[in-house]
């Protein structure tokens, strides 16, 4: 993976061409968030992986805010299948 990911990201003929990479990572120490961000930035630059930004998640077990949940629900709404029987007939049987 160390060689494959930079190759895929650098290849201009892939579906990722022109995409911006946003990095999300969990913090291992709550009091050193800036240092962890700098370490991740250094690691990505070492492998020549271009990225738009880095977000350090300080507490993975914290409950998301209601506005975040609402934004998520809105973003996936178009991909949800309705619960009526008509929509289920178009669904792939292996996903039922």
N, C-alpha and C. Protein backbone atom coordinates (compact mmCIF):
# COMPACT_ATOMS: atom_id res chain seq x y z
N UNK A 1 0.82 -1.21 0.00
CA UNK A 1 0.00 0.00 0.00
C UNK A 1 0.85 1.26 0.00
N UNK A 2 2.04 1.16 0.59
CA UNK A 2 2.92 2.32 0.66
C UNK A 2 3.27 2.84 -0.73
N UNK A 3 3.40 1.96 -1.69
CA UNK A 3 3.71 2.38 -3.05
C UNK A 3 2.47 2.54 -3.92
N UNK A 4 1.46 1.76 -3.65
CA UNK A 4 0.26 1.77 -4.50
C UNK A 4 -0.55 3.06 -4.36
N UNK A 5 -0.77 3.51 -3.15
CA UNK A 5 -1.60 4.71 -2.95
C UNK A 5 -1.01 5.94 -3.63
N UNK A 6 0.28 6.27 -3.43
CA UNK A 6 0.83 7.43 -4.15
C UNK A 6 0.75 7.27 -5.67
N UNK A 7 0.94 6.04 -6.17
CA UNK A 7 0.85 5.81 -7.61
C UNK A 7 -0.56 6.10 -8.12
N UNK A 8 -1.56 5.60 -7.43
CA UNK A 8 -2.95 5.83 -7.85
C UNK A 8 -3.28 7.31 -7.81
N UNK A 9 -2.83 8.00 -6.76
CA UNK A 9 -3.13 9.42 -6.63
C UNK A 9 -2.39 10.26 -7.67
N UNK A 10 -1.22 9.81 -8.10
CA UNK A 10 -0.42 10.57 -9.07
C UNK A 10 -0.83 10.29 -10.51
N UNK A 11 -1.50 9.19 -10.77
CA UNK A 11 -1.89 8.81 -12.12
C UNK A 11 -3.02 9.70 -12.60
N UNK A 12 -2.76 10.48 -13.65
CA UNK A 12 -3.74 11.44 -14.15
C UNK A 12 -4.90 10.80 -14.91
N UNK A 13 -4.77 9.54 -15.27
CA UNK A 13 -5.81 8.89 -16.07
C UNK A 13 -6.83 8.14 -15.23
N UNK A 14 -6.79 8.31 -13.92
CA UNK A 14 -7.75 7.61 -13.07
C UNK A 14 -8.96 8.49 -12.82
N UNK A 15 -9.96 7.90 -12.21
CA UNK A 15 -11.17 8.65 -11.87
C UNK A 15 -10.89 9.68 -10.78
N UNK A 16 -9.72 9.62 -10.15
CA UNK A 16 -9.36 10.57 -9.09
C UNK A 16 -8.73 11.84 -9.64
N UNK A 17 -8.55 11.93 -10.93
CA UNK A 17 -7.89 13.09 -11.52
C UNK A 17 -8.63 14.37 -11.14
N UNK A 18 -7.93 15.31 -10.57
CA UNK A 18 -8.52 16.59 -10.17
C UNK A 18 -9.21 16.57 -8.82
N UNK A 19 -9.26 15.42 -8.18
CA UNK A 19 -9.91 15.32 -6.87
C UNK A 19 -9.01 15.90 -5.78
N UNK A 20 -9.64 16.40 -4.73
CA UNK A 20 -8.90 16.91 -3.58
C UNK A 20 -8.98 15.87 -2.47
N UNK A 21 -7.85 15.59 -1.86
CA UNK A 21 -7.79 14.58 -0.81
C UNK A 21 -7.88 15.27 0.55
N UNK A 22 -8.89 14.88 1.32
CA UNK A 22 -9.06 15.39 2.68
C UNK A 22 -8.74 14.25 3.63
N UNK A 23 -7.78 14.46 4.50
CA UNK A 23 -7.32 13.42 5.42
C UNK A 23 -8.00 13.59 6.77
N UNK A 24 -8.59 12.51 7.27
CA UNK A 24 -9.18 12.48 8.61
C UNK A 24 -8.43 11.41 9.40
N UNK A 25 -7.97 11.77 10.58
CA UNK A 25 -7.24 10.82 11.41
C UNK A 25 -7.61 11.03 12.87
N UNK A 26 -7.51 9.96 13.63
CA UNK A 26 -7.84 10.02 15.06
C UNK A 26 -6.62 10.47 15.85
N UNK A 27 -6.86 11.27 16.87
CA UNK A 27 -5.79 11.72 17.75
C UNK A 27 -5.45 10.62 18.74
N UNK A 28 -4.17 10.41 18.96
CA UNK A 28 -3.77 9.43 19.97
C UNK A 28 -3.57 10.10 21.32
N UNK A 29 -3.27 11.41 21.30
CA UNK A 29 -3.10 12.16 22.54
C UNK A 29 -3.87 13.48 22.42
N UNK A 30 -4.79 13.71 23.31
CA UNK A 30 -5.66 14.88 23.24
C UNK A 30 -4.89 16.20 23.36
N UNK A 31 -3.80 16.20 24.09
CA UNK A 31 -3.09 17.46 24.35
C UNK A 31 -2.04 17.79 23.29
N UNK A 32 -1.89 16.97 22.26
CA UNK A 32 -0.87 17.20 21.24
C UNK A 32 -1.47 17.18 19.83
N UNK A 33 -2.60 17.82 19.65
CA UNK A 33 -3.28 17.79 18.35
C UNK A 33 -2.45 18.46 17.26
N UNK A 34 -1.84 19.60 17.57
CA UNK A 34 -1.04 20.31 16.57
C UNK A 34 0.16 19.47 16.14
N UNK A 35 0.79 18.81 17.10
CA UNK A 35 1.95 17.96 16.80
C UNK A 35 1.54 16.77 15.94
N UNK A 36 0.40 16.19 16.22
CA UNK A 36 -0.08 15.06 15.42
C UNK A 36 -0.41 15.49 13.99
N UNK A 37 -0.98 16.69 13.85
CA UNK A 37 -1.26 17.20 12.51
C UNK A 37 0.04 17.41 11.74
N UNK A 38 1.03 17.97 12.39
CA UNK A 38 2.32 18.19 11.74
C UNK A 38 2.98 16.86 11.36
N UNK A 39 2.88 15.86 12.23
CA UNK A 39 3.44 14.54 11.92
C UNK A 39 2.76 13.92 10.70
N UNK A 40 1.43 14.06 10.61
CA UNK A 40 0.70 13.52 9.47
C UNK A 40 1.07 14.28 8.20
N UNK A 41 1.19 15.59 8.31
CA UNK A 41 1.59 16.42 7.16
C UNK A 41 2.97 15.98 6.64
N UNK A 42 3.90 15.76 7.56
CA UNK A 42 5.25 15.32 7.19
C UNK A 42 5.23 13.95 6.52
N UNK A 43 4.43 13.04 7.05
CA UNK A 43 4.33 11.70 6.48
C UNK A 43 3.77 11.74 5.06
N UNK A 44 2.72 12.52 4.85
CA UNK A 44 2.13 12.62 3.52
C UNK A 44 3.10 13.25 2.53
N UNK A 45 3.83 14.27 2.97
CA UNK A 45 4.81 14.91 2.10
C UNK A 45 5.97 13.96 1.79
N UNK A 46 6.33 13.13 2.74
CA UNK A 46 7.41 12.15 2.53
C UNK A 46 7.07 11.22 1.37
N UNK A 47 5.80 10.82 1.28
CA UNK A 47 5.36 9.94 0.20
C UNK A 47 4.82 10.72 -1.00
N UNK A 48 5.02 12.04 -0.98
CA UNK A 48 4.59 12.93 -2.07
C UNK A 48 3.10 12.81 -2.37
N UNK A 49 2.31 12.72 -1.33
CA UNK A 49 0.86 12.67 -1.48
C UNK A 49 0.33 14.08 -1.27
N UNK A 50 -0.27 14.63 -2.32
CA UNK A 50 -0.85 15.98 -2.22
C UNK A 50 -2.21 15.87 -1.55
N UNK A 51 -2.50 16.82 -0.67
CA UNK A 51 -3.76 16.81 0.07
C UNK A 51 -4.27 18.22 0.23
N UNK A 52 -5.58 18.34 0.40
CA UNK A 52 -6.19 19.65 0.58
C UNK A 52 -6.13 20.09 2.04
N UNK A 53 -6.45 19.19 2.95
CA UNK A 53 -6.38 19.53 4.37
C UNK A 53 -6.34 18.27 5.23
N UNK A 54 -5.98 18.49 6.49
CA UNK A 54 -5.92 17.41 7.47
C UNK A 54 -6.84 17.77 8.62
N UNK A 55 -7.68 16.84 9.02
CA UNK A 55 -8.56 17.04 10.17
C UNK A 55 -8.24 15.98 11.21
N UNK A 56 -7.86 16.45 12.40
CA UNK A 56 -7.58 15.53 13.50
C UNK A 56 -8.86 15.41 14.32
N UNK A 57 -9.35 14.19 14.50
CA UNK A 57 -10.56 13.95 15.28
C UNK A 57 -10.12 13.65 16.71
N UNK A 58 -10.42 14.57 17.63
CA UNK A 58 -9.91 14.41 19.00
C UNK A 58 -10.59 13.31 19.80
N UNK A 59 -11.87 13.07 19.58
CA UNK A 59 -12.57 12.07 20.38
C UNK A 59 -13.55 11.31 19.50
N UNK A 60 -13.18 10.11 19.12
CA UNK A 60 -14.00 9.31 18.22
C UNK A 60 -15.30 8.85 18.87
N UNK A 61 -15.33 8.79 20.19
CA UNK A 61 -16.50 8.27 20.89
C UNK A 61 -17.51 9.35 21.27
N UNK A 62 -17.22 10.59 20.95
CA UNK A 62 -18.15 11.68 21.25
C UNK A 62 -19.34 11.61 20.29
N UNK A 63 -20.50 11.93 20.79
CA UNK A 63 -21.73 11.95 19.99
C UNK A 63 -21.67 13.11 18.99
N UNK A 64 -21.98 12.87 17.71
CA UNK A 64 -21.99 13.97 16.74
C UNK A 64 -23.08 14.98 17.08
N UNK A 65 -22.85 16.21 16.69
CA UNK A 65 -23.84 17.25 16.94
C UNK A 65 -25.05 17.03 16.03
N UNK A 66 -26.23 17.47 16.46
CA UNK A 66 -27.44 17.29 15.64
C UNK A 66 -27.31 17.87 14.23
N UNK A 67 -26.65 19.01 14.09
CA UNK A 67 -26.49 19.61 12.77
C UNK A 67 -25.62 18.73 11.86
N UNK A 68 -24.63 18.06 12.45
CA UNK A 68 -23.78 17.15 11.68
C UNK A 68 -24.58 15.94 11.21
N UNK A 69 -25.42 15.40 12.09
CA UNK A 69 -26.27 14.27 11.71
C UNK A 69 -27.22 14.66 10.59
N UNK A 70 -27.81 15.84 10.69
CA UNK A 70 -28.74 16.32 9.68
C UNK A 70 -28.04 16.49 8.33
N UNK A 71 -26.85 17.08 8.34
CA UNK A 71 -26.08 17.24 7.10
C UNK A 71 -25.79 15.89 6.47
N UNK A 72 -25.42 14.91 7.29
CA UNK A 72 -25.13 13.57 6.79
C UNK A 72 -26.38 12.95 6.17
N UNK A 73 -27.50 13.02 6.87
CA UNK A 73 -28.74 12.45 6.36
C UNK A 73 -29.14 13.09 5.03
N UNK A 74 -28.95 14.40 4.90
CA UNK A 74 -29.26 15.08 3.64
C UNK A 74 -28.34 14.61 2.52
N UNK A 75 -27.07 14.40 2.84
CA UNK A 75 -26.11 14.02 1.80
C UNK A 75 -26.34 12.60 1.28
N UNK A 76 -26.91 11.71 2.10
CA UNK A 76 -27.13 10.33 1.64
C UNK A 76 -28.57 10.06 1.25
N UNK A 77 -29.45 11.04 1.38
CA UNK A 77 -30.88 10.83 1.12
C UNK A 77 -31.15 10.30 -0.29
N UNK A 78 -30.43 10.81 -1.27
CA UNK A 78 -30.68 10.38 -2.65
C UNK A 78 -30.26 8.94 -2.91
N UNK A 79 -29.46 8.36 -2.03
CA UNK A 79 -28.99 6.99 -2.21
C UNK A 79 -29.80 5.97 -1.42
N UNK A 80 -30.72 6.44 -0.62
CA UNK A 80 -31.53 5.53 0.18
C UNK A 80 -32.64 4.93 -0.67
N UNK A 81 -33.02 3.71 -0.32
CA UNK A 81 -34.12 3.04 -1.00
C UNK A 81 -35.34 3.13 -0.10
N UNK A 82 -36.47 3.51 -0.69
CA UNK A 82 -37.71 3.63 0.08
C UNK A 82 -38.12 2.26 0.61
N UNK A 83 -38.90 2.26 1.67
CA UNK A 83 -39.31 1.01 2.30
C UNK A 83 -40.53 0.36 1.66
N UNK A 84 -41.02 0.90 0.57
CA UNK A 84 -42.20 0.29 -0.04
C UNK A 84 -41.79 -0.89 -0.92
N UNK A 85 -42.74 -1.74 -1.25
CA UNK A 85 -42.45 -2.98 -1.98
C UNK A 85 -42.02 -2.72 -3.42
N UNK A 86 -42.46 -1.61 -4.03
CA UNK A 86 -42.09 -1.33 -5.42
C UNK A 86 -40.59 -1.10 -5.56
N UNK A 87 -40.00 -0.42 -4.61
CA UNK A 87 -38.57 -0.14 -4.72
C UNK A 87 -37.73 -1.39 -4.48
N UNK A 88 -38.24 -2.33 -3.69
CA UNK A 88 -37.48 -3.54 -3.40
C UNK A 88 -37.32 -4.45 -4.61
N UNK A 89 -38.22 -4.37 -5.57
CA UNK A 89 -38.11 -5.24 -6.74
C UNK A 89 -36.93 -4.84 -7.62
N UNK A 90 -36.43 -3.61 -7.48
CA UNK A 90 -35.28 -3.17 -8.26
C UNK A 90 -33.96 -3.39 -7.51
N UNK A 91 -34.07 -3.79 -6.28
CA UNK A 91 -32.89 -3.96 -5.45
C UNK A 91 -32.20 -5.28 -5.76
N UNK A 92 -30.88 -5.28 -5.78
CA UNK A 92 -30.10 -6.50 -6.01
C UNK A 92 -30.41 -7.48 -4.89
N UNK A 93 -30.77 -8.73 -5.20
CA UNK A 93 -31.17 -9.70 -4.16
C UNK A 93 -30.11 -9.93 -3.09
N UNK A 94 -28.83 -9.82 -3.44
CA UNK A 94 -27.80 -10.07 -2.44
C UNK A 94 -27.73 -8.98 -1.38
N UNK A 95 -28.40 -7.84 -1.61
CA UNK A 95 -28.41 -6.75 -0.63
C UNK A 95 -29.70 -6.68 0.17
N UNK A 96 -30.63 -7.60 -0.06
CA UNK A 96 -31.90 -7.57 0.67
C UNK A 96 -31.72 -8.05 2.08
